[in-house]
Amino acid sequence: MLKSALTKWLSISAILLALDLYTKHLVQKTFEYADKLTITSYFDLVRYHNEGAAFSFLAGAGGWQKWFFTVVAAVASIFIVYLLKKHQTEKLFSLGLALVLAGALGNLYDRVTLGYVVDFLSFHINDFYWPAFNVADSAISVGVGILLLDSFTPRKE
């Protein structure tokens, strides 16, 4: 039972990781850097490269940030797998961890292989643009939201 639960959580991570890598591949194959395709009045597909962390934090820090964020993502991924193994029967908690793991690994792959993270989803209202993001960022955000929800859920004794 426990092994199959862990396999389920890791499978969710693997599916989301594959989706993230595939969509980034499509964007890189289809778009040149900074290209934009307007889909609706509030959504564009773009191709941007993020050398920093969330919302381009430390993007212009001179290069050391690539290795810093690589180490952070690798250590976090190992710790998340440990937590998944330890808490695999806790459904909400494990789902949140599985989503965060997928996102961390997706962006880690980009950093190691490209030196930056490919972002391509761009939402805006008139001239106010939200920073572009990708499937991995979405998985991390939803996963953190689920973890927050889980933290407020009463535990059964």
N, C-alpha and C. Protein backbone atom coordinates (compact mmCIF):
# COMPACT_ATOMS: atom_id res chain seq x y z
N MET A 1 0.83 -1.21 0.00
CA MET A 1 0.00 0.00 0.00
C MET A 1 0.87 1.25 0.00
N LEU A 2 1.85 1.33 0.92
CA LEU A 2 2.67 2.53 1.01
C LEU A 2 3.48 2.75 -0.25
N LYS A 3 4.04 1.70 -0.81
CA LYS A 3 4.84 1.85 -2.02
C LYS A 3 4.00 2.38 -3.17
N SER A 4 2.76 1.91 -3.28
CA SER A 4 1.90 2.39 -4.35
C SER A 4 1.50 3.85 -4.15
N ALA A 5 1.37 4.28 -2.91
CA ALA A 5 1.05 5.69 -2.64
C ALA A 5 2.21 6.57 -3.07
N LEU A 6 3.42 6.20 -2.72
CA LEU A 6 4.59 6.97 -3.12
C LEU A 6 4.71 7.00 -4.64
N THR A 7 4.47 5.88 -5.28
CA THR A 7 4.52 5.81 -6.74
C THR A 7 3.50 6.75 -7.36
N LYS A 8 2.31 6.84 -6.76
CA LYS A 8 1.27 7.75 -7.27
C LYS A 8 1.75 9.20 -7.22
N TRP A 9 2.33 9.62 -6.10
CA TRP A 9 2.78 11.01 -5.96
C TRP A 9 3.93 11.31 -6.92
N LEU A 10 4.86 10.37 -7.03
CA LEU A 10 5.99 10.57 -7.94
C LEU A 10 5.53 10.54 -9.40
N SER A 11 4.48 9.78 -9.70
CA SER A 11 3.92 9.75 -11.05
C SER A 11 3.28 11.08 -11.40
N ILE A 12 2.59 11.68 -10.45
CA ILE A 12 2.01 13.01 -10.69
C ILE A 12 3.12 14.00 -10.99
N SER A 13 4.19 13.95 -10.21
CA SER A 13 5.33 14.83 -10.45
C SER A 13 5.92 14.59 -11.84
N ALA A 14 6.08 13.33 -12.21
CA ALA A 14 6.68 13.00 -13.50
C ALA A 14 5.82 13.48 -14.67
N ILE A 15 4.50 13.34 -14.56
CA ILE A 15 3.60 13.79 -15.62
C ILE A 15 3.69 15.31 -15.78
N LEU A 16 3.65 16.03 -14.66
CA LEU A 16 3.74 17.49 -14.73
C LEU A 16 5.11 17.93 -15.22
N LEU A 17 6.15 17.24 -14.81
CA LEU A 17 7.49 17.56 -15.29
C LEU A 17 7.57 17.37 -16.80
N ALA A 18 7.03 16.27 -17.29
CA ALA A 18 7.03 16.03 -18.74
C ALA A 18 6.25 17.11 -19.48
N LEU A 19 5.10 17.50 -18.95
CA LEU A 19 4.29 18.56 -19.55
C LEU A 19 5.06 19.88 -19.58
N ASP A 20 5.73 20.19 -18.47
CA ASP A 20 6.52 21.42 -18.41
C ASP A 20 7.64 21.41 -19.45
N LEU A 21 8.40 20.34 -19.49
CA LEU A 21 9.53 20.27 -20.43
C LEU A 21 9.05 20.28 -21.88
N TYR A 22 7.95 19.61 -22.14
CA TYR A 22 7.42 19.57 -23.51
C TYR A 22 6.93 20.96 -23.95
N THR A 23 6.20 21.65 -23.10
CA THR A 23 5.70 22.98 -23.49
C THR A 23 6.86 23.96 -23.68
N LYS A 24 7.88 23.87 -22.83
CA LYS A 24 9.05 24.74 -23.02
C LYS A 24 9.77 24.41 -24.32
N HIS A 25 9.85 23.13 -24.65
CA HIS A 25 10.45 22.71 -25.91
C HIS A 25 9.69 23.30 -27.10
N LEU A 26 8.36 23.21 -27.05
CA LEU A 26 7.54 23.77 -28.13
C LEU A 26 7.77 25.27 -28.29
N VAL A 27 7.84 25.96 -27.17
CA VAL A 27 8.06 27.41 -27.22
C VAL A 27 9.43 27.72 -27.82
N GLN A 28 10.45 27.00 -27.41
CA GLN A 28 11.79 27.24 -27.93
C GLN A 28 11.88 26.92 -29.43
N LYS A 29 11.14 25.92 -29.85
CA LYS A 29 11.14 25.51 -31.24
C LYS A 29 10.37 26.51 -32.11
N THR A 30 9.33 27.12 -31.55
CA THR A 30 8.41 27.97 -32.31
C THR A 30 8.75 29.46 -32.26
N PHE A 31 9.24 29.93 -31.11
CA PHE A 31 9.45 31.36 -30.90
C PHE A 31 10.94 31.69 -30.80
N GLU A 32 11.27 32.85 -31.29
CA GLU A 32 12.58 33.45 -31.01
C GLU A 32 12.45 34.21 -29.70
N TYR A 33 13.57 34.53 -29.07
CA TYR A 33 13.53 35.27 -27.81
C TYR A 33 12.73 36.57 -27.99
N ALA A 34 11.84 36.83 -27.06
CA ALA A 34 10.99 38.04 -26.98
C ALA A 34 9.86 38.07 -28.01
N ASP A 35 9.67 37.00 -28.79
CA ASP A 35 8.51 36.93 -29.67
C ASP A 35 7.24 36.90 -28.83
N LYS A 36 6.16 37.39 -29.44
CA LYS A 36 4.88 37.40 -28.74
C LYS A 36 3.77 37.05 -29.71
N LEU A 37 2.87 36.18 -29.25
CA LEU A 37 1.68 35.83 -30.01
C LEU A 37 0.47 36.16 -29.14
N THR A 38 -0.32 37.13 -29.56
CA THR A 38 -1.50 37.53 -28.80
C THR A 38 -2.59 36.48 -29.00
N ILE A 39 -3.08 35.96 -27.88
CA ILE A 39 -4.15 34.96 -27.90
C ILE A 39 -5.48 35.62 -27.59
N THR A 40 -5.52 36.43 -26.54
CA THR A 40 -6.72 37.20 -26.17
C THR A 40 -6.27 38.60 -25.79
N SER A 41 -7.21 39.43 -25.39
CA SER A 41 -6.88 40.80 -24.98
C SER A 41 -6.12 40.84 -23.66
N TYR A 42 -6.03 39.70 -22.96
CA TYR A 42 -5.34 39.66 -21.67
C TYR A 42 -4.30 38.54 -21.57
N PHE A 43 -4.08 37.78 -22.65
CA PHE A 43 -3.14 36.65 -22.60
C PHE A 43 -2.32 36.56 -23.88
N ASP A 44 -1.01 36.44 -23.71
CA ASP A 44 -0.09 36.26 -24.82
C ASP A 44 0.80 35.05 -24.56
N LEU A 45 1.20 34.41 -25.63
CA LEU A 45 2.30 33.45 -25.55
C LEU A 45 3.56 34.21 -25.93
N VAL A 46 4.61 34.05 -25.15
CA VAL A 46 5.85 34.78 -25.35
C VAL A 46 7.02 33.81 -25.17
N ARG A 47 8.21 34.29 -25.41
CA ARG A 47 9.41 33.52 -25.04
C ARG A 47 10.36 34.47 -24.34
N TYR A 48 10.50 34.25 -23.04
CA TYR A 48 11.45 35.02 -22.24
C TYR A 48 12.37 34.05 -21.51
N HIS A 49 13.51 34.54 -21.14
CA HIS A 49 14.49 33.75 -20.39
C HIS A 49 14.67 34.39 -19.02
N ASN A 50 14.45 33.63 -17.98
CA ASN A 50 14.57 34.13 -16.61
C ASN A 50 15.83 33.55 -15.99
N GLU A 51 16.81 34.41 -15.74
CA GLU A 51 18.06 33.97 -15.13
C GLU A 51 18.00 34.04 -13.61
N GLY A 52 16.91 34.57 -13.08
CA GLY A 52 16.77 34.69 -11.64
C GLY A 52 15.80 33.66 -11.10
N ALA A 53 15.13 34.04 -10.02
CA ALA A 53 14.13 33.16 -9.41
C ALA A 53 12.76 33.74 -9.74
N ALA A 54 11.81 33.52 -8.86
CA ALA A 54 10.45 33.99 -9.08
C ALA A 54 10.43 35.48 -9.42
N PHE A 55 9.69 35.82 -10.46
CA PHE A 55 9.54 37.20 -10.91
C PHE A 55 10.88 37.84 -11.24
N SER A 56 11.83 37.03 -11.73
CA SER A 56 13.17 37.47 -12.13
C SER A 56 14.01 38.01 -10.98
N PHE A 57 13.69 37.60 -9.75
CA PHE A 57 14.47 37.99 -8.58
C PHE A 57 15.92 37.61 -8.79
N LEU A 58 16.84 38.53 -8.65
CA LEU A 58 18.28 38.36 -8.82
C LEU A 58 18.70 38.03 -10.25
N ALA A 59 17.87 38.34 -11.23
CA ALA A 59 18.19 38.00 -12.62
C ALA A 59 19.47 38.68 -13.09
N GLY A 60 19.75 39.87 -12.63
CA GLY A 60 20.94 40.59 -13.07
C GLY A 60 22.08 40.53 -12.07
N ALA A 61 22.20 39.45 -11.34
CA ALA A 61 23.18 39.37 -10.26
C ALA A 61 24.57 38.92 -10.72
N GLY A 62 24.79 38.74 -12.01
CA GLY A 62 26.13 38.45 -12.48
C GLY A 62 26.46 36.98 -12.71
N GLY A 63 25.53 36.08 -12.53
CA GLY A 63 25.76 34.68 -12.85
C GLY A 63 25.81 33.72 -11.67
N TRP A 64 26.21 34.20 -10.50
CA TRP A 64 26.30 33.31 -9.33
C TRP A 64 24.93 32.75 -8.95
N GLN A 65 23.88 33.50 -9.27
CA GLN A 65 22.53 33.08 -8.88
C GLN A 65 22.11 31.79 -9.55
N LYS A 66 22.64 31.52 -10.76
CA LYS A 66 22.31 30.26 -11.45
C LYS A 66 22.69 29.08 -10.57
N TRP A 67 23.89 29.10 -10.06
CA TRP A 67 24.37 27.99 -9.24
C TRP A 67 23.68 27.96 -7.88
N PHE A 68 23.40 29.12 -7.33
CA PHE A 68 22.70 29.19 -6.05
C PHE A 68 21.31 28.56 -6.18
N PHE A 69 20.55 28.98 -7.20
CA PHE A 69 19.20 28.45 -7.38
C PHE A 69 19.23 26.98 -7.81
N THR A 70 20.28 26.56 -8.50
CA THR A 70 20.44 25.15 -8.86
C THR A 70 20.60 24.30 -7.60
N VAL A 71 21.46 24.74 -6.69
CA VAL A 71 21.68 24.00 -5.45
C VAL A 71 20.41 24.00 -4.59
N VAL A 72 19.76 25.15 -4.48
CA VAL A 72 18.53 25.23 -3.69
C VAL A 72 17.47 24.28 -4.24
N ALA A 73 17.28 24.27 -5.56
CA ALA A 73 16.27 23.39 -6.17
C ALA A 73 16.64 21.92 -5.99
N ALA A 74 17.91 21.59 -6.12
CA ALA A 74 18.32 20.19 -5.95
C ALA A 74 18.12 19.72 -4.52
N VAL A 75 18.54 20.53 -3.56
CA VAL A 75 18.38 20.17 -2.14
C VAL A 75 16.89 20.09 -1.79
N ALA A 76 16.11 21.06 -2.25
CA ALA A 76 14.67 21.06 -1.98
C ALA A 76 14.01 19.81 -2.57
N SER A 77 14.41 19.42 -3.77
CA SER A 77 13.82 18.24 -4.41
C SER A 77 14.12 16.97 -3.62
N ILE A 78 15.34 16.84 -3.15
CA ILE A 78 15.70 15.68 -2.34
C ILE A 78 14.89 15.66 -1.05
N PHE A 79 14.76 16.82 -0.42
CA PHE A 79 13.99 16.92 0.82
C PHE A 79 12.51 16.61 0.57
N ILE A 80 11.97 17.07 -0.55
CA ILE A 80 10.57 16.81 -0.88
C ILE A 80 10.33 15.31 -1.09
N VAL A 81 11.25 14.63 -1.76
CA VAL A 81 11.11 13.18 -1.94
C VAL A 81 11.12 12.48 -0.59
N TYR A 82 11.99 12.93 0.31
CA TYR A 82 12.02 12.38 1.67
C TYR A 82 10.67 12.59 2.36
N LEU A 83 10.13 13.81 2.27
CA LEU A 83 8.84 14.09 2.89
C LEU A 83 7.72 13.27 2.27
N LEU A 84 7.76 13.10 0.95
CA LEU A 84 6.75 12.27 0.29
C LEU A 84 6.80 10.84 0.79
N LYS A 85 8.00 10.32 0.95
CA LYS A 85 8.14 8.95 1.44
C LYS A 85 7.61 8.83 2.87
N LYS A 86 7.90 9.82 3.68
CA LYS A 86 7.51 9.80 5.09
C LYS A 86 6.01 10.04 5.29
N HIS A 87 5.40 10.88 4.45
CA HIS A 87 4.00 11.29 4.64
C HIS A 87 3.11 10.90 3.47
N GLN A 88 3.43 9.84 2.78
CA GLN A 88 2.74 9.50 1.54
C GLN A 88 1.26 9.20 1.69
N THR A 89 0.80 8.87 2.88
CA THR A 89 -0.63 8.60 3.07
C THR A 89 -1.44 9.87 3.35
N GLU A 90 -0.76 10.99 3.56
CA GLU A 90 -1.43 12.28 3.77
C GLU A 90 -1.69 12.90 2.40
N LYS A 91 -2.90 12.73 1.91
CA LYS A 91 -3.21 13.03 0.51
C LYS A 91 -3.00 14.49 0.13
N LEU A 92 -3.56 15.42 0.86
CA LEU A 92 -3.46 16.82 0.50
C LEU A 92 -2.00 17.30 0.58
N PHE A 93 -1.34 16.96 1.66
CA PHE A 93 0.06 17.33 1.86
C PHE A 93 0.93 16.75 0.74
N SER A 94 0.73 15.48 0.44
CA SER A 94 1.54 14.82 -0.59
C SER A 94 1.26 15.37 -1.98
N LEU A 95 0.01 15.71 -2.26
CA LEU A 95 -0.31 16.31 -3.56
C LEU A 95 0.42 17.65 -3.70
N GLY A 96 0.36 18.48 -2.67
CA GLY A 96 1.08 19.75 -2.71
C GLY A 96 2.57 19.55 -2.93
N LEU A 97 3.16 18.59 -2.22
CA LEU A 97 4.58 18.29 -2.39
C LEU A 97 4.89 17.80 -3.80
N ALA A 98 4.03 16.95 -4.35
CA ALA A 98 4.24 16.42 -5.70
C ALA A 98 4.25 17.53 -6.74
N LEU A 99 3.36 18.51 -6.58
CA LEU A 99 3.32 19.63 -7.51
C LEU A 99 4.56 20.51 -7.38
N VAL A 100 4.96 20.79 -6.15
CA VAL A 100 6.16 21.61 -5.94
C VAL A 100 7.39 20.88 -6.49
N LEU A 101 7.46 19.58 -6.28
CA LEU A 101 8.59 18.79 -6.80
C LEU A 101 8.66 18.88 -8.32
N ALA A 102 7.54 18.72 -8.99
CA ALA A 102 7.52 18.80 -10.45
C ALA A 102 8.03 20.16 -10.93
N GLY A 103 7.55 21.22 -10.30
CA GLY A 103 7.98 22.55 -10.70
C GLY A 103 9.45 22.80 -10.43
N ALA A 104 9.91 22.36 -9.27
CA ALA A 104 11.32 22.55 -8.93
C ALA A 104 12.22 21.81 -9.92
N LEU A 105 11.85 20.58 -10.26
CA LEU A 105 12.66 19.80 -11.20
C LEU A 105 12.61 20.38 -12.62
N GLY A 106 11.45 20.88 -13.03
CA GLY A 106 11.34 21.49 -14.36
C GLY A 106 12.23 22.70 -14.51
N ASN A 107 12.19 23.58 -13.53
CA ASN A 107 13.03 24.77 -13.61
C ASN A 107 14.51 24.44 -13.36
N LEU A 108 14.77 23.43 -12.54
CA LEU A 108 16.14 22.97 -12.33
C LEU A 108 16.74 22.46 -13.64
N TYR A 109 15.97 21.68 -14.37
CA TYR A 109 16.44 21.17 -15.66
C TYR A 109 16.84 22.32 -16.59
N ASP A 110 15.99 23.33 -16.67
CA ASP A 110 16.30 24.49 -17.52
C ASP A 110 17.59 25.16 -17.08
N ARG A 111 17.74 25.40 -15.78
CA ARG A 111 18.93 26.09 -15.28
C ARG A 111 20.21 25.32 -15.61
N VAL A 112 20.15 24.00 -15.43
CA VAL A 112 21.34 23.18 -15.66
C VAL A 112 21.66 23.08 -17.15
N THR A 113 20.64 22.90 -18.00
CA THR A 113 20.89 22.68 -19.42
C THR A 113 20.98 23.97 -20.25
N LEU A 114 20.26 25.00 -19.85
CA LEU A 114 20.21 26.24 -20.63
C LEU A 114 20.88 27.43 -19.95
N GLY A 115 20.94 27.40 -18.63
CA GLY A 115 21.47 28.53 -17.88
C GLY A 115 20.41 29.55 -17.50
N TYR A 116 19.17 29.29 -17.88
CA TYR A 116 18.04 30.16 -17.58
C TYR A 116 16.77 29.32 -17.64
N VAL A 117 15.66 29.88 -17.17
CA VAL A 117 14.37 29.21 -17.22
C VAL A 117 13.54 29.84 -18.33
N VAL A 118 12.92 29.01 -19.14
CA VAL A 118 12.06 29.49 -20.23
C VAL A 118 10.68 29.79 -19.67
N ASP A 119 10.24 31.04 -19.85
CA ASP A 119 8.89 31.46 -19.45
C ASP A 119 8.11 31.82 -20.70
N PHE A 120 6.82 31.51 -20.72
CA PHE A 120 6.06 31.74 -21.95
C PHE A 120 4.59 32.12 -21.76
N LEU A 121 4.07 32.08 -20.56
CA LEU A 121 2.68 32.45 -20.31
C LEU A 121 2.65 33.89 -19.79
N SER A 122 2.00 34.77 -20.52
CA SER A 122 2.00 36.19 -20.14
C SER A 122 0.58 36.71 -20.06
N PHE A 123 0.18 37.08 -18.86
CA PHE A 123 -1.14 37.66 -18.63
C PHE A 123 -1.00 39.15 -18.36
N HIS A 124 -2.00 39.93 -18.79
CA HIS A 124 -1.94 41.38 -18.59
C HIS A 124 -3.33 41.99 -18.62
N ILE A 125 -3.40 43.15 -18.02
CA ILE A 125 -4.60 43.99 -18.10
C ILE A 125 -4.13 45.31 -18.66
N ASN A 126 -4.56 45.62 -19.87
CA ASN A 126 -4.09 46.80 -20.59
C ASN A 126 -2.56 46.78 -20.63
N ASP A 127 -1.91 47.77 -20.02
CA ASP A 127 -0.45 47.84 -20.04
C ASP A 127 0.19 47.31 -18.76
N PHE A 128 -0.60 46.71 -17.88
CA PHE A 128 -0.05 46.11 -16.66
C PHE A 128 0.17 44.61 -16.92
N TYR A 129 1.43 44.22 -16.96
CA TYR A 129 1.79 42.83 -17.26
C TYR A 129 2.25 42.11 -16.01
N TRP A 130 1.67 40.92 -15.79
CA TRP A 130 2.17 40.03 -14.75
C TRP A 130 3.45 39.41 -15.31
N PRO A 131 4.45 39.14 -14.48
CA PRO A 131 5.66 38.50 -15.02
C PRO A 131 5.32 37.17 -15.71
N ALA A 132 5.95 36.91 -16.83
CA ALA A 132 5.71 35.68 -17.57
C ALA A 132 6.13 34.48 -16.72
N PHE A 133 5.45 33.36 -16.93
CA PHE A 133 5.74 32.16 -16.15
C PHE A 133 5.55 30.93 -17.03
N ASN A 134 5.64 29.75 -16.45
CA ASN A 134 5.57 28.51 -17.20
C ASN A 134 4.79 27.45 -16.41
N VAL A 135 4.72 26.25 -16.92
CA VAL A 135 3.98 25.17 -16.25
C VAL A 135 4.61 24.85 -14.89
N ALA A 136 5.94 24.84 -14.83
CA ALA A 136 6.63 24.55 -13.56
C ALA A 136 6.26 25.58 -12.49
N ASP A 137 6.27 26.86 -12.88
CA ASP A 137 5.90 27.91 -11.93
C ASP A 137 4.46 27.74 -11.46
N SER A 138 3.59 27.35 -12.38
CA SER A 138 2.18 27.12 -12.03
C SER A 138 2.06 25.97 -11.04
N ALA A 139 2.80 24.89 -11.29
CA ALA A 139 2.76 23.73 -10.40
C ALA A 139 3.25 24.11 -9.00
N ILE A 140 4.32 24.89 -8.94
CA ILE A 140 4.83 25.34 -7.64
C ILE A 140 3.79 26.19 -6.93
N SER A 141 3.19 27.14 -7.63
CA SER A 141 2.21 28.03 -7.01
C SER A 141 0.99 27.27 -6.50
N VAL A 142 0.45 26.38 -7.31
CA VAL A 142 -0.71 25.59 -6.89
C VAL A 142 -0.30 24.66 -5.74
N GLY A 143 0.87 24.05 -5.85
CA GLY A 143 1.36 23.17 -4.80
C GLY A 143 1.51 23.88 -3.47
N VAL A 144 2.07 25.08 -3.48
CA VAL A 144 2.20 25.86 -2.24
C VAL A 144 0.83 26.21 -1.69
N GLY A 145 -0.11 26.56 -2.58
CA GLY A 145 -1.48 26.83 -2.13
C GLY A 145 -2.11 25.61 -1.46
N ILE A 146 -1.89 24.44 -2.02
CA ILE A 146 -2.41 23.20 -1.43
C ILE A 146 -1.75 22.94 -0.08
N LEU A 147 -0.44 23.17 0.01
CA LEU A 147 0.26 22.99 1.29
C LEU A 147 -0.26 23.95 2.35
N LEU A 148 -0.56 25.18 1.94
CA LEU A 148 -1.14 26.15 2.89
C LEU A 148 -2.52 25.68 3.34
N LEU A 149 -3.33 25.23 2.40
CA LEU A 149 -4.65 24.71 2.74
C LEU A 149 -4.52 23.53 3.71
N ASP A 150 -3.58 22.64 3.41
CA ASP A 150 -3.37 21.49 4.27
C ASP A 150 -2.95 21.91 5.68
N SER A 151 -2.18 22.97 5.79
CA SER A 151 -1.72 23.41 7.11
C SER A 151 -2.87 23.90 7.99
N PHE A 152 -3.99 24.28 7.38
CA PHE A 152 -5.16 24.74 8.13
C PHE A 152 -6.22 23.65 8.30
N THR A 153 -5.95 22.47 7.73
CA THR A 153 -6.89 21.36 7.82
C THR A 153 -6.65 20.59 9.12
N PRO A 154 -7.69 20.41 9.93
CA PRO A 154 -7.51 19.66 11.17
C PRO A 154 -7.07 18.22 10.89
N ARG A 155 -6.18 17.72 11.71
CA ARG A 155 -5.68 16.34 11.60
C ARG A 155 -6.57 15.39 12.37
N LYS A 156 -6.77 14.21 11.78
CA LYS A 156 -7.51 13.15 12.49
C LYS A 156 -6.53 12.43 13.38
N GLU A 157 -6.90 12.22 14.60
CA GLU A 157 -6.02 11.53 15.57
C GLU A 157 -6.18 10.05 15.47
